[in-house]
N, C-alpha and C. Protein backbone atom coordinates (compact mmCIF):
# COMPACT_ATOMS: atom_id res chain seq x y z
N MET A 1 81.25 109.79 85.62
CA MET A 1 80.53 110.99 85.91
C MET A 1 81.51 112.14 86.11
N ALA A 2 81.20 113.27 85.55
CA ALA A 2 82.08 114.44 85.65
C ALA A 2 82.06 115.01 87.06
N LYS A 3 83.21 115.47 87.51
CA LYS A 3 83.31 116.09 88.83
C LYS A 3 82.99 117.58 88.67
N THR A 4 81.76 117.95 89.01
CA THR A 4 81.36 119.34 88.82
C THR A 4 80.88 120.00 90.11
N ALA A 5 80.61 119.26 91.16
CA ALA A 5 80.14 119.84 92.42
C ALA A 5 81.32 120.42 93.19
N MET A 6 81.10 121.54 93.83
CA MET A 6 82.16 122.18 94.61
C MET A 6 81.74 122.23 96.07
N ILE A 7 82.71 122.04 96.94
CA ILE A 7 82.49 122.12 98.39
C ILE A 7 83.38 123.22 98.92
N ARG A 8 82.81 124.06 99.77
CA ARG A 8 83.59 125.11 100.44
C ARG A 8 83.44 124.91 101.93
N ALA A 9 84.53 125.03 102.65
CA ALA A 9 84.48 124.88 104.10
C ALA A 9 85.49 125.82 104.73
N ARG A 10 85.14 126.35 105.86
CA ARG A 10 86.07 127.18 106.64
C ARG A 10 86.72 126.28 107.68
N ILE A 11 88.04 126.40 107.79
CA ILE A 11 88.78 125.55 108.72
C ILE A 11 89.97 126.34 109.23
N GLU A 12 90.45 125.99 110.40
CA GLU A 12 91.60 126.67 110.98
C GLU A 12 92.82 126.50 110.07
N PRO A 13 93.52 127.58 109.76
CA PRO A 13 94.67 127.49 108.86
C PRO A 13 95.73 126.49 109.30
N GLU A 14 96.02 126.43 110.60
CA GLU A 14 97.04 125.50 111.08
C GLU A 14 96.62 124.05 110.85
N LEU A 15 95.37 123.74 111.12
CA LEU A 15 94.86 122.39 110.89
C LEU A 15 94.95 122.04 109.41
N LYS A 16 94.56 122.97 108.56
CA LYS A 16 94.62 122.75 107.10
C LYS A 16 96.04 122.43 106.67
N GLU A 17 97.02 123.21 107.15
CA GLU A 17 98.41 122.99 106.76
C GLU A 17 98.92 121.64 107.24
N GLU A 18 98.58 121.27 108.47
CA GLU A 18 99.03 119.99 109.02
C GLU A 18 98.44 118.82 108.23
N VAL A 19 97.14 118.91 107.91
CA VAL A 19 96.49 117.84 107.16
C VAL A 19 97.05 117.76 105.75
N GLU A 20 97.26 118.90 105.11
CA GLU A 20 97.83 118.90 103.76
C GLU A 20 99.22 118.25 103.75
N ALA A 21 100.00 118.48 104.79
CA ALA A 21 101.34 117.88 104.88
C ALA A 21 101.24 116.36 104.99
N VAL A 22 100.30 115.88 105.80
CA VAL A 22 100.11 114.43 105.94
C VAL A 22 99.65 113.84 104.62
N LEU A 23 98.67 114.47 103.99
CA LEU A 23 98.15 113.96 102.71
C LEU A 23 99.23 113.97 101.64
N ASP A 24 100.08 114.99 101.66
CA ASP A 24 101.18 115.06 100.69
C ASP A 24 102.13 113.87 100.87
N LYS A 25 102.42 113.50 102.12
CA LYS A 25 103.26 112.33 102.38
C LYS A 25 102.61 111.05 101.86
N LEU A 26 101.27 111.02 101.92
CA LEU A 26 100.54 109.86 101.42
C LEU A 26 100.39 109.88 99.90
N GLY A 27 100.70 111.01 99.29
CA GLY A 27 100.62 111.12 97.84
C GLY A 27 99.20 111.35 97.32
N ILE A 28 98.34 111.93 98.16
CA ILE A 28 96.98 112.22 97.71
C ILE A 28 96.65 113.69 97.98
N SER A 29 95.76 114.22 97.18
CA SER A 29 95.34 115.61 97.34
C SER A 29 94.20 115.72 98.33
N VAL A 30 93.92 116.94 98.74
CA VAL A 30 92.78 117.19 99.63
C VAL A 30 91.50 116.75 98.94
N SER A 31 91.38 117.04 97.64
CA SER A 31 90.18 116.65 96.90
C SER A 31 90.01 115.14 96.88
N GLU A 32 91.11 114.41 96.67
CA GLU A 32 91.03 112.95 96.67
C GLU A 32 90.66 112.43 98.06
N ALA A 33 91.21 113.03 99.11
CA ALA A 33 90.89 112.61 100.47
C ALA A 33 89.42 112.88 100.77
N MET A 34 88.92 114.01 100.34
CA MET A 34 87.51 114.34 100.57
C MET A 34 86.61 113.36 99.81
N ALA A 35 86.98 113.03 98.60
CA ALA A 35 86.19 112.06 97.82
C ALA A 35 86.18 110.70 98.51
N MET A 36 87.33 110.28 99.05
CA MET A 36 87.39 109.01 99.78
C MET A 36 86.50 109.06 101.01
N PHE A 37 86.54 110.18 101.74
CA PHE A 37 85.70 110.33 102.92
C PHE A 37 84.22 110.25 102.53
N PHE A 38 83.82 110.97 101.50
CA PHE A 38 82.42 110.95 101.06
C PHE A 38 81.98 109.55 100.65
N LYS A 39 82.86 108.82 99.95
CA LYS A 39 82.52 107.46 99.54
C LYS A 39 82.34 106.55 100.75
N GLN A 40 83.16 106.75 101.78
CA GLN A 40 83.02 105.95 103.00
C GLN A 40 81.73 106.29 103.74
N VAL A 41 81.37 107.57 103.78
CA VAL A 41 80.10 107.97 104.39
C VAL A 41 78.95 107.30 103.66
N ARG A 42 79.00 107.29 102.35
CA ARG A 42 77.96 106.64 101.56
C ARG A 42 77.93 105.14 101.84
N TYR A 43 79.10 104.51 101.88
CA TYR A 43 79.20 103.07 102.10
C TYR A 43 78.64 102.68 103.48
N TYR A 44 79.03 103.43 104.52
CA TYR A 44 78.59 103.12 105.88
C TYR A 44 77.22 103.72 106.22
N ASN A 45 76.73 104.56 105.33
CA ASN A 45 75.47 105.27 105.58
C ASN A 45 75.58 106.07 106.88
N GLY A 46 76.73 106.69 107.08
CA GLY A 46 77.02 107.48 108.28
C GLY A 46 78.50 107.74 108.35
N MET A 47 78.95 108.20 109.50
CA MET A 47 80.37 108.47 109.68
C MET A 47 81.16 107.16 109.59
N PRO A 48 82.31 107.17 108.91
CA PRO A 48 83.08 105.93 108.76
C PRO A 48 83.99 105.64 109.96
N PHE A 49 83.72 106.28 111.07
CA PHE A 49 84.47 106.05 112.29
C PHE A 49 83.57 106.40 113.46
N ASP A 50 83.94 105.91 114.65
CA ASP A 50 83.16 106.21 115.84
C ASP A 50 83.32 107.67 116.22
N VAL A 51 82.23 108.31 116.58
CA VAL A 51 82.26 109.68 117.08
C VAL A 51 81.75 109.62 118.51
N ARG A 52 82.67 109.76 119.44
CA ARG A 52 82.32 109.63 120.84
C ARG A 52 83.02 110.70 121.66
N ILE A 53 82.49 110.95 122.83
CA ILE A 53 83.14 111.82 123.79
C ILE A 53 83.92 110.90 124.72
N PRO A 54 85.25 111.07 124.78
CA PRO A 54 86.05 110.15 125.61
C PRO A 54 85.72 110.31 127.10
N ASN A 55 85.83 109.20 127.85
CA ASN A 55 85.60 109.27 129.29
C ASN A 55 86.81 109.92 129.97
N GLN A 56 86.69 110.18 131.26
CA GLN A 56 87.74 110.90 132.00
C GLN A 56 89.09 110.17 131.98
N ALA A 57 89.06 108.86 132.12
CA ALA A 57 90.32 108.09 132.12
C ALA A 57 91.02 108.21 130.77
N THR A 58 90.24 108.14 129.70
CA THR A 58 90.81 108.27 128.36
C THR A 58 91.37 109.67 128.16
N LEU A 59 90.64 110.70 128.59
CA LEU A 59 91.12 112.08 128.47
C LEU A 59 92.43 112.28 129.23
N ARG A 60 92.52 111.75 130.45
CA ARG A 60 93.75 111.88 131.22
C ARG A 60 94.92 111.21 130.49
N THR A 61 94.68 110.02 129.97
CA THR A 61 95.72 109.28 129.26
C THR A 61 96.16 110.03 128.00
N MET A 62 95.20 110.58 127.27
CA MET A 62 95.52 111.33 126.05
C MET A 62 96.36 112.57 126.39
N LYS A 63 96.01 113.26 127.47
CA LYS A 63 96.77 114.45 127.88
C LYS A 63 98.19 114.07 128.28
N LYS A 64 98.35 112.98 129.02
CA LYS A 64 99.69 112.52 129.41
C LYS A 64 100.50 112.15 128.18
N THR A 65 99.89 111.44 127.25
CA THR A 65 100.58 111.03 126.04
C THR A 65 101.02 112.24 125.23
N ASN A 66 100.11 113.20 125.05
CA ASN A 66 100.44 114.41 124.30
C ASN A 66 101.55 115.20 124.96
N ALA A 67 101.65 115.11 126.29
CA ALA A 67 102.71 115.81 127.03
C ALA A 67 103.99 114.99 127.10
N GLY A 68 103.96 113.76 126.57
CA GLY A 68 105.14 112.91 126.58
C GLY A 68 105.41 112.27 127.93
N LYS A 69 104.38 112.18 128.78
CA LYS A 69 104.55 111.62 130.12
C LYS A 69 104.11 110.15 130.15
N GLU A 70 104.78 109.39 131.02
CA GLU A 70 104.45 107.98 131.28
C GLU A 70 104.46 107.12 130.01
N LEU A 71 105.39 107.42 129.11
CA LEU A 71 105.53 106.63 127.89
C LEU A 71 106.64 105.60 128.09
N THR A 72 106.52 104.49 127.41
CA THR A 72 107.58 103.49 127.42
C THR A 72 108.02 103.21 126.00
N GLN A 73 109.28 102.83 125.86
CA GLN A 73 109.81 102.47 124.54
C GLN A 73 110.38 101.06 124.63
N HIS A 74 110.26 100.34 123.53
CA HIS A 74 110.74 98.97 123.48
C HIS A 74 111.53 98.78 122.20
N GLU A 75 112.56 97.96 122.29
CA GLU A 75 113.44 97.76 121.15
C GLU A 75 112.84 96.87 120.08
N SER A 76 111.82 96.09 120.47
CA SER A 76 111.22 95.17 119.50
C SER A 76 109.79 94.84 119.93
N LEU A 77 109.08 94.21 119.03
CA LEU A 77 107.73 93.75 119.35
C LEU A 77 107.79 92.70 120.46
N GLY A 78 108.80 91.85 120.42
CA GLY A 78 108.97 90.84 121.47
C GLY A 78 109.16 91.47 122.84
N ALA A 79 109.95 92.54 122.90
CA ALA A 79 110.17 93.24 124.17
C ALA A 79 108.88 93.87 124.67
N LEU A 80 108.10 94.43 123.77
CA LEU A 80 106.80 95.00 124.15
C LEU A 80 105.87 93.91 124.66
N ARG A 81 105.81 92.79 123.95
CA ARG A 81 104.94 91.69 124.37
C ARG A 81 105.35 91.18 125.75
N LYS A 82 106.64 91.11 126.01
CA LYS A 82 107.13 90.65 127.31
C LYS A 82 106.72 91.65 128.38
N HIS A 83 106.88 92.94 128.10
CA HIS A 83 106.50 94.00 129.04
C HIS A 83 105.01 93.91 129.37
N LEU A 84 104.19 93.59 128.40
CA LEU A 84 102.75 93.51 128.59
C LEU A 84 102.29 92.17 129.17
N GLY A 85 103.24 91.23 129.32
CA GLY A 85 102.92 89.95 129.93
C GLY A 85 102.34 88.92 128.96
N PHE A 86 102.57 89.10 127.66
CA PHE A 86 102.09 88.15 126.66
C PHE A 86 103.09 87.02 126.43
N GLU A 87 104.28 87.13 126.95
CA GLU A 87 105.31 86.09 126.75
C GLU A 87 105.91 85.69 128.07
């Protein structure tokens, strides 16, 4: 089927640039990404991911993470597993 339908959307310029940079690293165009998204919406008969409002604990954690606070680093998966008590 020929690709003849056009979609226009207004979006924040900074968001557009950031997303285009990510897609460029993945080797796909915005049009290809949009087509993949539309196919997933069709497949799932809805959004292809959960759309939720995070609870207060999740919001606090996200803010800390974005600020670089209370993060830990591990040299290996084994070290992380040990830190988490799996080993």
